[in-house]
Amino acid sequence: MYKRQRSTVRAAPREERFDVKEVLYLGFEGRPPATSYDAFLENVEMQVDIYRMSHNRPLVYATGFGALILLALRARGNVRDLPAVIQGPIPWSWAKDRADGAHAEGEAARLSFADPAFQESFIVDHIHSPFDAAERKAFFGGFTTCTAFPQVYGWLNKGWAAALEGLLAARPAAIDDIRVWECGEDTLADAEDHDAAVRALGAQWSTERAERWGHFPYLDSPGPWIGALQAMGV
């Protein structure tokens, strides 16, 4: 979740006594990169363990890349005791179709977010709330300063997906207590990717659909998004 999203999400909860704790991924938003995939996951685990201490009923909320990380943590035996929501499709095929050594592809993806034409197209297609110049700069700056792009593209590949499938197949309870929230106006994620994940993992997750939500409900409509989470008893 990048700077503009954080400020928007955190402003609304104050009056509703709702707290959002963001996992600050290594290598994202200019932070130092992780030395390895294991080090990356261990850092996420540490942050979650710290955050859970301040919550009576903590819940993990994951989207896109975050959903893949959630599954990886569950496979390692971590955060299994925390209920989770996966918002939108899991980009399973995105990872499974990627061969080893895709670091250059990741760097090209990062650089694309610096292109003004790409930014304009992205906003028109995927953002349902107004962006002023400062917000636009902060939002896309989060992507362009993400030095972890090459690492992510290198780590999450077909070998990674196959290994994760095997781990989770041997521990089916690891993916219990997960809900999926589909967003009816999400034009960024691919529902076929999600179906591929469900088939590969043999998952039987409860699924709900918010017809008017896009890919960034916490950015477009933070009030209703917070209300939906509060309804879960968070």
Protein backbone atom coordinates (compact mmCIF):
# COMPACT_ATOMS: atom_id res chain seq x y z
CA MET A 1 0.00 0.00 0.00
CA TYR A 2 1.69 3.20 -1.13
CA LYS A 3 1.82 6.67 0.38
CA ARG A 4 -1.39 8.14 -0.99
CA GLN A 5 -3.30 4.98 -0.11
CA ARG A 6 -1.95 4.98 3.44
CA SER A 7 -2.93 8.59 4.12
CA THR A 8 -6.42 8.04 2.72
CA VAL A 9 -7.02 4.81 4.63
CA ARG A 10 -5.66 6.14 7.91
CA ALA A 11 -7.65 9.37 7.88
CA ALA A 12 -11.07 7.69 7.82
CA PRO A 13 -10.50 5.11 10.61
CA ARG A 14 -9.58 7.61 13.32
CA GLU A 15 -13.17 8.58 14.03
CA GLU A 16 -14.31 4.98 13.70
CA ARG A 17 -11.67 3.55 16.06
CA PHE A 18 -10.30 1.32 13.36
CA ASP A 19 -6.60 0.65 13.00
CA VAL A 20 -4.73 -0.35 9.84
CA LYS A 21 -1.24 -1.75 10.27
CA GLU A 22 0.70 -1.99 7.05
CA VAL A 23 3.40 -4.58 6.46
CA LEU A 24 6.34 -2.58 5.16
CA TYR A 25 7.95 -4.87 2.60
CA LEU A 26 11.71 -4.71 2.25
CA GLY A 27 12.74 -3.15 -1.05
CA PHE A 28 9.42 -1.32 -1.46
CA GLU A 29 9.16 2.49 -1.43
CA GLY A 30 12.92 2.93 -1.26
CA ARG A 31 13.48 0.66 1.72
CA PRO A 32 16.64 -1.49 1.69
CA PRO A 33 16.14 -4.74 -0.24
CA ALA A 34 16.03 -8.15 1.40
CA THR A 35 19.16 -10.24 1.09
CA SER A 36 17.11 -13.30 0.08
CA TYR A 37 13.56 -14.59 -0.33
CA ASP A 38 13.75 -16.28 3.08
CA ALA A 39 14.96 -13.04 4.66
CA PHE A 40 12.05 -11.21 3.03
CA LEU A 41 9.48 -13.64 4.47
CA GLU A 42 11.13 -13.65 7.88
CA ASN A 43 10.87 -9.86 7.99
CA VAL A 44 7.17 -10.02 7.11
CA GLU A 45 6.63 -12.65 9.80
CA MET A 46 8.34 -10.44 12.37
CA GLN A 47 6.17 -7.44 11.50
CA VAL A 48 2.97 -9.48 11.72
CA ASP A 49 4.01 -10.87 15.09
CA ILE A 50 4.65 -7.34 16.37
CA TYR A 51 1.37 -5.97 15.01
CA ARG A 52 -0.74 -8.74 16.47
CA MET A 53 0.32 -7.74 19.98
CA SER A 54 -1.69 -4.51 19.73
CA HIS A 55 -4.91 -6.08 18.42
CA ASN A 56 -7.54 -8.13 20.21
CA ARG A 57 -8.87 -9.61 16.95
CA PRO A 58 -6.19 -9.17 14.28
CA LEU A 59 -6.92 -10.06 10.67
CA VAL A 60 -4.59 -10.33 7.69
CA TYR A 61 -5.79 -8.46 4.59
CA ALA A 62 -3.99 -9.32 1.36
CA THR A 63 -4.27 -8.21 -2.26
CA GLY A 64 -2.33 -9.20 -5.38
CA PHE A 65 1.30 -9.89 -4.51
CA GLY A 66 0.31 -9.81 -0.84
CA ALA A 67 -1.98 -12.80 -1.39
CA LEU A 68 0.96 -14.82 -2.71
CA ILE A 69 3.01 -13.83 0.34
CA LEU A 70 0.14 -14.82 2.65
CA LEU A 71 0.04 -18.28 1.08
CA ALA A 72 3.81 -18.58 1.38
CA LEU A 73 3.61 -17.68 5.09
CA ARG A 74 0.82 -20.17 5.66
CA ALA A 75 2.91 -22.88 3.97
CA ARG A 76 5.75 -22.10 6.38
CA GLY A 77 3.43 -22.62 9.34
CA ASN A 78 3.16 -18.93 10.16
CA VAL A 79 0.02 -16.78 10.66
CA ARG A 80 -2.21 -19.85 10.41
CA ASP A 81 -3.97 -18.75 13.58
CA LEU A 82 -4.97 -15.41 12.03
CA PRO A 83 -8.11 -15.20 9.89
CA ALA A 84 -7.45 -13.65 6.50
CA VAL A 85 -9.20 -11.87 3.67
CA ILE A 86 -7.83 -12.08 0.14
CA GLN A 87 -9.19 -9.19 -1.88
CA GLY A 88 -9.45 -9.87 -5.58
CA PRO A 89 -7.88 -12.60 -7.69
CA ILE A 90 -4.66 -14.30 -6.64
CA PRO A 91 -2.11 -13.77 -9.44
CA TRP A 92 -1.27 -17.47 -9.56
CA SER A 93 -0.82 -17.88 -13.31
CA TRP A 94 1.29 -14.71 -13.32
CA ALA A 95 3.80 -16.53 -11.12
CA LYS A 96 3.41 -19.99 -12.61
CA ASP A 97 4.00 -18.80 -16.17
CA ARG A 98 7.27 -17.11 -15.23
CA ALA A 99 10.55 -18.88 -15.85
CA ASP A 100 13.67 -18.50 -13.72
CA GLY A 101 15.79 -15.39 -14.21
CA ALA A 102 13.01 -12.85 -14.87
CA HIS A 103 14.78 -10.03 -13.03
CA ALA A 104 15.02 -7.85 -16.15
CA GLU A 105 11.28 -8.24 -16.69
CA GLY A 106 10.71 -6.96 -13.17
CA GLU A 107 12.91 -3.93 -13.73
CA ALA A 108 11.05 -3.13 -16.97
CA ALA A 109 7.75 -3.33 -15.06
CA ARG A 110 9.05 -0.92 -12.43
CA LEU A 111 10.21 1.59 -15.02
CA SER A 112 6.86 1.51 -16.82
CA PHE A 113 5.27 3.26 -13.83
CA ALA A 114 7.46 6.31 -14.49
CA ASP A 115 5.94 6.83 -17.95
CA PRO A 116 3.35 9.67 -17.84
CA ALA A 117 1.28 8.04 -20.59
CA PHE A 118 1.19 4.76 -18.67
CA GLN A 119 0.25 6.61 -15.48
CA GLU A 120 -2.66 8.36 -17.19
CA SER A 121 -3.94 5.13 -18.67
CA PHE A 122 -3.61 3.36 -15.31
CA ILE A 123 -5.60 6.08 -13.52
CA VAL A 124 -8.37 6.09 -16.13
CA ASP A 125 -8.67 2.31 -16.13
CA HIS A 126 -8.18 1.38 -12.49
CA ILE A 127 -8.63 4.35 -10.11
CA HIS A 128 -12.19 5.40 -9.27
CA SER A 129 -11.39 8.39 -7.08
CA PRO A 130 -9.96 11.80 -8.04
CA PHE A 131 -6.18 12.20 -8.06
CA ASP A 132 -4.50 15.58 -7.79
CA ALA A 133 -0.90 16.10 -8.92
CA ALA A 134 0.60 15.48 -5.48
CA GLU A 135 -1.42 12.30 -4.97
CA ARG A 136 -0.47 11.03 -8.39
CA LYS A 137 3.21 11.67 -7.69
CA ALA A 138 3.04 9.87 -4.34
CA PHE A 139 1.10 6.91 -5.71
CA PHE A 140 3.35 6.19 -8.67
CA GLY A 141 6.45 7.13 -6.73
CA GLY A 142 5.74 4.13 -4.53
CA PHE A 143 6.14 1.90 -7.58
CA THR A 144 9.10 3.61 -9.18
CA THR A 145 11.15 3.51 -5.96
CA CYS A 146 10.37 -0.17 -5.44
CA THR A 147 13.78 -1.75 -5.97
CA ALA A 148 12.27 -5.14 -5.10
CA PHE A 149 10.57 -5.48 -8.51
CA PRO A 150 13.46 -7.53 -9.99
CA GLN A 151 13.61 -9.67 -6.83
CA VAL A 152 9.88 -10.36 -6.85
CA TYR A 153 9.92 -11.36 -10.51
CA GLY A 154 12.90 -13.59 -9.82
CA TRP A 155 11.48 -15.25 -6.71
CA LEU A 156 7.88 -15.88 -7.76
CA ASN A 157 8.14 -18.21 -10.72
CA LYS A 158 6.93 -21.64 -11.85
CA GLY A 159 9.38 -23.43 -9.54
CA TRP A 160 8.18 -21.38 -6.58
CA ALA A 161 4.52 -22.09 -7.43
CA ALA A 162 5.13 -25.83 -7.81
CA ALA A 163 6.94 -25.98 -4.48
CA LEU A 164 4.17 -24.04 -2.76
CA GLU A 165 1.52 -26.33 -4.26
CA GLY A 166 3.37 -29.31 -2.81
CA LEU A 167 3.74 -27.78 0.63
CA LEU A 168 0.09 -26.77 0.87
CA ALA A 169 -1.16 -30.08 -0.52
CA ALA A 170 0.62 -31.80 2.36
CA ARG A 171 -0.88 -29.32 4.85
CA PRO A 172 -4.43 -28.55 3.67
CA ALA A 173 -5.36 -26.96 7.01
CA ALA A 174 -2.79 -24.24 6.28
CA ILE A 175 -5.25 -22.47 3.98
CA ASP A 176 -8.28 -22.69 6.27
CA ASP A 177 -9.99 -19.57 7.62
CA ILE A 178 -9.49 -17.49 4.48
CA ARG A 179 -12.23 -15.45 2.82
CA VAL A 180 -12.15 -14.02 -0.67
CA TRP A 181 -13.64 -10.65 -1.56
CA GLU A 182 -14.33 -10.19 -5.23
CA CYS A 183 -14.60 -6.64 -6.56
CA GLY A 184 -17.12 -6.21 -9.37
CA GLU A 185 -15.35 -3.23 -10.95
CA ASP A 186 -11.79 -4.52 -10.61
CA THR A 187 -10.27 -4.04 -14.06
CA LEU A 188 -6.70 -4.76 -13.00
CA ALA A 189 -6.73 -8.32 -11.70
CA ASP A 190 -7.54 -11.45 -13.69
CA ALA A 191 -10.28 -13.76 -12.40
CA GLU A 192 -8.80 -16.67 -14.40
CA ASP A 193 -5.63 -16.34 -12.32
CA HIS A 194 -7.67 -16.76 -9.17
CA ASP A 195 -9.48 -19.81 -10.55
CA ALA A 196 -6.10 -21.33 -11.36
CA ALA A 197 -5.00 -20.83 -7.74
CA VAL A 198 -8.17 -22.39 -6.35
CA ARG A 199 -7.74 -25.44 -8.59
CA ALA A 200 -4.03 -25.80 -7.88
CA LEU A 201 -4.47 -25.54 -4.11
CA GLY A 202 -7.79 -27.38 -3.83
CA ALA A 203 -9.09 -24.41 -1.88
CA GLN A 204 -12.68 -24.10 -0.70
CA TRP A 205 -12.87 -20.51 0.41
CA SER A 206 -15.95 -18.51 1.27
CA THR A 207 -16.40 -15.88 -1.43
CA GLU A 208 -18.26 -12.57 -1.27
CA ARG A 209 -18.66 -10.00 -4.02
CA ALA A 210 -18.83 -6.20 -3.82
CA GLU A 211 -20.19 -5.19 -7.21
CA ARG A 212 -19.19 -1.51 -7.05
CA TRP A 213 -15.68 -1.91 -5.70
CA GLY A 214 -12.63 -1.53 -7.90
CA HIS A 215 -9.11 -2.82 -7.30
CA PHE A 216 -8.47 -0.14 -4.64
CA PRO A 217 -11.61 0.04 -2.43
CA TYR A 218 -9.52 1.29 0.50
CA LEU A 219 -8.48 4.18 -1.74
CA ASP A 220 -11.73 4.86 -3.62
CA SER A 221 -14.23 4.33 -0.79
CA PRO A 222 -12.42 3.83 2.52
CA GLY A 223 -15.59 4.26 4.60
CA PRO A 224 -17.54 1.31 3.13
CA TRP A 225 -14.34 -0.75 3.03
CA ILE A 226 -13.74 -0.16 6.73
CA GLY A 227 -17.39 -0.94 7.44
CA ALA A 228 -17.07 -4.30 5.70
CA LEU A 229 -14.06 -5.19 7.82
CA GLN A 230 -15.74 -4.02 11.02
CA ALA A 231 -18.70 -6.27 10.18
CA MET A 232 -16.25 -9.18 10.48
CA GLY A 233 -15.57 -8.23 14.09
CA VAL A 234 -12.15 -6.71 13.54
